[in-house]
C-alpha atoms as a PDB file:
ATOM      1  CA  UNK A   1      38.444  11.941   2.522  1.00  0.00           C
ATOM      2  CA  UNK A   2      35.419   9.846   3.542  1.00  0.00           C
ATOM      3  CA  UNK A   3      32.874  11.827   1.514  1.00  0.00           C
ATOM      4  CA  UNK A   4      34.602  11.356  -1.871  1.00  0.00           C
ATOM      5  CA  UNK A   5      35.006   7.628  -1.166  1.00  0.00           C
ATOM      6  CA  UNK A   6      31.332   7.323  -0.221  1.00  0.00           C
ATOM      7  CA  UNK A   7      30.223   9.247  -3.321  1.00  0.00           C
ATOM      8  CA  UNK A   8      32.433   7.037  -5.516  1.00  0.00           C
ATOM      9  CA  UNK A   9      30.979   3.918  -3.880  1.00  0.00           C
ATOM     10  CA  UNK A  10      27.402   5.091  -4.524  1.00  0.00           C
ATOM     11  CA  UNK A  11      28.214   5.923  -8.156  1.00  0.00           C
ATOM     12  CA  UNK A  12      29.746   2.488  -8.599  1.00  0.00           C
ATOM     13  CA  UNK A  13      26.608   0.792  -7.253  1.00  0.00           C
ATOM     14  CA  UNK A  14      24.381   2.850  -9.542  1.00  0.00           C
ATOM     15  CA  UNK A  15      26.588   2.059 -12.535  1.00  0.00           C
ATOM     16  CA  UNK A  16      26.356  -1.643 -11.754  1.00  0.00           C
ATOM     17  CA  UNK A  17      22.571  -1.459 -11.513  1.00  0.00           C
ATOM     18  CA  UNK A  18      21.993   0.334 -14.813  1.00  0.00           C
ATOM     19  CA  UNK A  19      22.298  -2.867 -16.875  1.00  0.00           C
ATOM     20  CA  UNK A  20      19.460  -4.342 -14.783  1.00  0.00           C
ATOM     21  CA  UNK A  21      16.982  -1.936 -16.364  1.00  0.00           C
ATOM     22  CA  UNK A  22      17.390  -3.812 -19.688  1.00  0.00           C
ATOM     23  CA  UNK A  23      16.687  -0.704 -21.713  1.00  0.00           C
ATOM     24  CA  UNK A  24      12.992  -0.885 -20.816  1.00  0.00           C
ATOM     25  CA  UNK A  25      11.413   2.388 -19.718  1.00  0.00           C
ATOM     26  CA  UNK A  26      10.106   2.105 -16.189  1.00  0.00           C
ATOM     27  CA  UNK A  27       7.438   3.848 -14.190  1.00  0.00           C
ATOM     28  CA  UNK A  28       8.660   7.009 -12.507  1.00  0.00           C
ATOM     29  CA  UNK A  29       6.736   6.223  -9.351  1.00  0.00           C
ATOM     30  CA  UNK A  30       5.490   3.143  -7.620  1.00  0.00           C
ATOM     31  CA  UNK A  31       1.976   1.831  -7.908  1.00  0.00           C
ATOM     32  CA  UNK A  32      -0.367   0.165  -5.449  1.00  0.00           C
ATOM     33  CA  UNK A  33      -0.890  -3.272  -6.945  1.00  0.00           C
ATOM     34  CA  UNK A  34      -3.034  -5.065  -4.379  1.00  0.00           C
ATOM     35  CA  UNK A  35      -4.891  -4.403  -1.146  1.00  0.00           C
ATOM     36  CA  UNK A  36      -6.632  -6.722   1.282  1.00  0.00           C
ATOM     37  CA  UNK A  37      -9.233  -5.208   3.588  1.00  0.00           C
ATOM     38  CA  UNK A  38     -10.183  -7.369   6.556  1.00  0.00           C
ATOM     39  CA  UNK A  39     -13.149  -5.980   8.473  1.00  0.00           C
ATOM     40  CA  UNK A  40     -13.403  -6.501  12.226  1.00  0.00           C
ATOM     41  CA  UNK A  41     -16.540  -4.893  13.655  1.00  0.00           C
ATOM     42  CA  UNK A  42     -16.147  -1.131  13.051  1.00  0.00           C
ATOM     43  CA  UNK A  43     -12.407  -1.346  12.362  1.00  0.00           C
ATOM     44  CA  UNK A  44     -10.357  -2.931   9.591  1.00  0.00           C
ATOM     45  CA  UNK A  45      -6.846  -4.057   8.755  1.00  0.00           C
ATOM     46  CA  UNK A  46      -5.606  -3.096   5.313  1.00  0.00           C
ATOM     47  CA  UNK A  47      -2.562  -4.735   3.773  1.00  0.00           C
ATOM     48  CA  UNK A  48      -1.302  -2.768   0.781  1.00  0.00           C
ATOM     49  CA  UNK A  49       1.194  -4.249  -1.674  1.00  0.00           C
ATOM     50  CA  UNK A  50       3.146  -2.022  -4.048  1.00  0.00           C
ATOM     51  CA  UNK A  51       5.824  -2.227  -6.725  1.00  0.00           C
ATOM     52  CA  UNK A  52       8.730   0.080  -7.461  1.00  0.00           C
ATOM     53  CA  UNK A  53      11.054   0.671 -10.365  1.00  0.00           C
ATOM     54  CA  UNK A  54      14.348  -1.173  -9.754  1.00  0.00           C
ATOM     55  CA  UNK A  55      16.423   1.886  -8.872  1.00  0.00           C
ATOM     56  CA  UNK A  56      13.772   3.204  -6.500  1.00  0.00           C
ATOM     57  CA  UNK A  57      13.657  -0.201  -4.810  1.00  0.00           C
ATOM     58  CA  UNK A  58      17.395   0.046  -4.162  1.00  0.00           C
ATOM     59  CA  UNK A  59      16.902   3.531  -2.741  1.00  0.00           C
ATOM     60  CA  UNK A  60      14.205   2.217  -0.381  1.00  0.00           C
ATOM     61  CA  UNK A  61      16.369  -0.715   0.681  1.00  0.00           C
ATOM     62  CA  UNK A  62      19.324   1.569   1.438  1.00  0.00           C
ATOM     63  CA  UNK A  63      17.523   4.488   3.078  1.00  0.00           C
ATOM     64  CA  UNK A  64      14.405   2.896   4.556  1.00  0.00           C
ATOM     65  CA  UNK A  65      10.711   2.917   3.842  1.00  0.00           C
ATOM     66  CA  UNK A  66       9.934   6.325   5.342  1.00  0.00           C
ATOM     67  CA  UNK A  67       9.675   7.808   1.833  1.00  0.00           C
ATOM     68  CA  UNK A  68       6.707   5.498   1.105  1.00  0.00           C
ATOM     69  CA  UNK A  69       4.507   7.129   3.761  1.00  0.00           C
ATOM     70  CA  UNK A  70       3.402  10.125   1.634  1.00  0.00           C
ATOM     71  CA  UNK A  71       2.048   7.777  -1.064  1.00  0.00           C
ATOM     72  CA  UNK A  72       0.178   5.739   1.552  1.00  0.00           C
ATOM     73  CA  UNK A  73      -1.181   8.929   3.110  1.00  0.00           C
ATOM     74  CA  UNK A  74      -2.299  10.152  -0.327  1.00  0.00           C
ATOM     75  CA  UNK A  75      -4.056   6.852  -1.086  1.00  0.00           C
ATOM     76  CA  UNK A  76      -5.874   6.618   2.265  1.00  0.00           C
ATOM     77  CA  UNK A  77      -6.509  10.291   2.976  1.00  0.00           C
ATOM     78  CA  UNK A  78     -10.137   9.646   3.984  1.00  0.00           C
ATOM     79  CA  UNK A  79      -9.186   7.022   6.610  1.00  0.00           C
ATOM     80  CA  UNK A  80      -8.121   7.248  10.264  1.00  0.00           C
ATOM     81  CA  UNK A  81      -5.276   4.719  10.434  1.00  0.00           C
ATOM     82  CA  UNK A  82      -2.052   3.762  12.155  1.00  0.00           C
ATOM     83  CA  UNK A  83       0.796   2.121  10.274  1.00  0.00           C
ATOM     84  CA  UNK A  84       1.487  -1.233  11.902  1.00  0.00           C
ATOM     85  CA  UNK A  85       4.290  -2.370   9.593  1.00  0.00           C
ATOM     86  CA  UNK A  86       5.932  -1.028   6.466  1.00  0.00           C
ATOM     87  CA  UNK A  87       8.700  -2.375   4.263  1.00  0.00           C
ATOM     88  CA  UNK A  88       9.752  -2.268   0.602  1.00  0.00           C
ATOM     89  CA  UNK A  89       6.917  -4.601  -0.487  1.00  0.00           C
ATOM     90  CA  UNK A  90       3.895  -3.823   1.661  1.00  0.00           C
ATOM     91  CA  UNK A  91       2.327  -1.724   4.393  1.00  0.00           C
ATOM     92  CA  UNK A  92      -0.123  -2.916   7.024  1.00  0.00           C
ATOM     93  CA  UNK A  93      -2.583  -0.315   8.304  1.00  0.00           C
ATOM     94  CA  UNK A  94      -4.991  -0.545  11.231  1.00  0.00           C
ATOM     95  CA  UNK A  95      -8.021   1.592  10.363  1.00  0.00           C
ATOM     96  CA  UNK A  96     -10.358   2.905  13.072  1.00  0.00           C
ATOM     97  CA  UNK A  97     -14.099   3.478  12.682  1.00  0.00           C
ATOM     98  CA  UNK A  98     -14.285   2.575   9.012  1.00  0.00           C
ATOM     99  CA  UNK A  99     -17.759   1.048   9.439  1.00  0.00           C
ATOM    100  CA  UNK A 100     -20.804   1.827  11.507  1.00  0.00           C
ATOM    101  CA  UNK A 101     -22.799  -0.665  13.530  1.00  0.00           C
ATOM    102  CA  UNK A 102     -26.482  -1.243  14.109  1.00  0.00           C
ATOM    103  CA  UNK A 103     -27.841  -4.218  16.080  1.00  0.00           C
ATOM    104  CA  UNK A 104     -25.009  -6.626  15.228  1.00  0.00           C
ATOM    105  CA  UNK A 105     -24.767  -5.592  11.579  1.00  0.00           C
ATOM    106  CA  UNK A 106     -22.091  -3.369  10.086  1.00  0.00           C
ATOM    107  CA  UNK A 107     -22.039  -1.086   7.081  1.00  0.00           C
ATOM    108  CA  UNK A 108     -18.924   0.249   5.454  1.00  0.00           C
ATOM    109  CA  UNK A 109     -19.909   3.125   3.202  1.00  0.00           C
ATOM    110  CA  UNK A 110     -17.770   3.673   0.145  1.00  0.00           C
ATOM    111  CA  UNK A 111     -14.751   5.920   0.684  1.00  0.00           C
ATOM    112  CA  UNK A 112     -12.743   7.553  -2.049  1.00  0.00           C
ATOM    113  CA  UNK A 113      -9.120   6.498  -2.452  1.00  0.00           C
ATOM    114  CA  UNK A 114      -6.459   8.985  -3.498  1.00  0.00           C
ATOM    115  CA  UNK A 115      -5.234   6.626  -6.212  1.00  0.00           C
ATOM    116  CA  UNK A 116      -6.344   3.573  -8.139  1.00  0.00           C
ATOM    117  CA  UNK A 117      -5.531   0.106  -6.817  1.00  0.00           C
ATOM    118  CA  UNK A 118      -5.230  -2.755  -9.314  1.00  0.00           C
ATOM    119  CA  UNK A 119      -6.861  -5.478  -7.177  1.00  0.00           C
ATOM    120  CA  UNK A 120      -8.709  -5.244  -3.853  1.00  0.00           C
ATOM    121  CA  UNK A 121      -9.850  -8.211  -1.784  1.00  0.00           C
ATOM    122  CA  UNK A 122     -12.571  -7.628   0.827  1.00  0.00           C
ATOM    123  CA  UNK A 123     -12.805 -10.055   3.754  1.00  0.00           C
ATOM    124  CA  UNK A 124     -15.778  -9.889   6.123  1.00  0.00           C
ATOM    125  CA  UNK A 125     -16.336 -11.917   9.323  1.00  0.00           C
ATOM    126  CA  UNK A 126     -19.515 -13.512   7.931  1.00  0.00           C
ATOM    127  CA  UNK A 127     -17.994 -14.856   4.694  1.00  0.00           C
ATOM    128  CA  UNK A 128     -15.428 -17.570   4.054  1.00  0.00           C
ATOM    129  CA  UNK A 129     -14.315 -16.178   0.715  1.00  0.00           C
ATOM    130  CA  UNK A 130     -13.042 -12.782  -0.276  1.00  0.00           C
ATOM    131  CA  UNK A 131     -14.779 -10.513  -2.751  1.00  0.00           C
ATOM    132  CA  UNK A 132     -12.410  -9.323  -5.464  1.00  0.00           C
ATOM    133  CA  UNK A 133     -12.552  -5.922  -7.167  1.00  0.00           C
ATOM    134  CA  UNK A 134     -10.320  -4.693  -9.995  1.00  0.00           C
ATOM    135  CA  UNK A 135      -8.994  -1.206 -10.771  1.00  0.00           C
ATOM    136  CA  UNK A 136     -10.943   0.696  -8.139  1.00  0.00           C
ATOM    137  CA  UNK A 137     -10.463   4.213  -6.814  1.00  0.00           C
ATOM    138  CA  UNK A 138     -12.949   3.946  -3.933  1.00  0.00           C
ATOM    139  CA  UNK A 139     -13.799   1.218  -1.493  1.00  0.00           C
ATOM    140  CA  UNK A 140     -17.061  -0.615  -2.234  1.00  0.00           C
ATOM    141  CA  UNK A 141     -20.111  -0.399   0.009  1.00  0.00           C
ATOM    142  CA  UNK A 142     -19.888  -3.462   2.225  1.00  0.00           C
ATOM    143  CA  UNK A 143     -22.565  -4.901   4.516  1.00  0.00           C
ATOM    144  CA  UNK A 144     -21.609  -7.636   6.980  1.00  0.00           C
ATOM    145  CA  UNK A 145     -22.437  -9.264  10.284  1.00  0.00           C
ATOM    146  CA  UNK A 146     -19.941  -9.730  13.092  1.00  0.00           C
END
């Protein structure tokens, strides 16, 4: 008895959400819209923002953000990272050994991304302002001082 009621409830929610699409075709998948990379010696913290189609956003809200992990893994395949936080809007990654050091200076060599990111902001310890890059599919070479 519970399963038919649950299925009916889910169908009702989906039927109520269909008018929200406004007849506009949406993306089938979500896209990475913005990333901020904050370098800290040889490591970095990356905050990735993404957007979903409306129905997929509901799915994520109901069932959790675990289904986002494969897209994050695909995008940052060339990085050694731990996921610090993940929700329906953003993921925060702690990346290990993304730069190499030499006498107080650090060099991050470009790394290929598994997807394109619309806007990337690079923050280094020796600069007050971020460098902005648009529509990139690899991280830029970055030289900085700790």
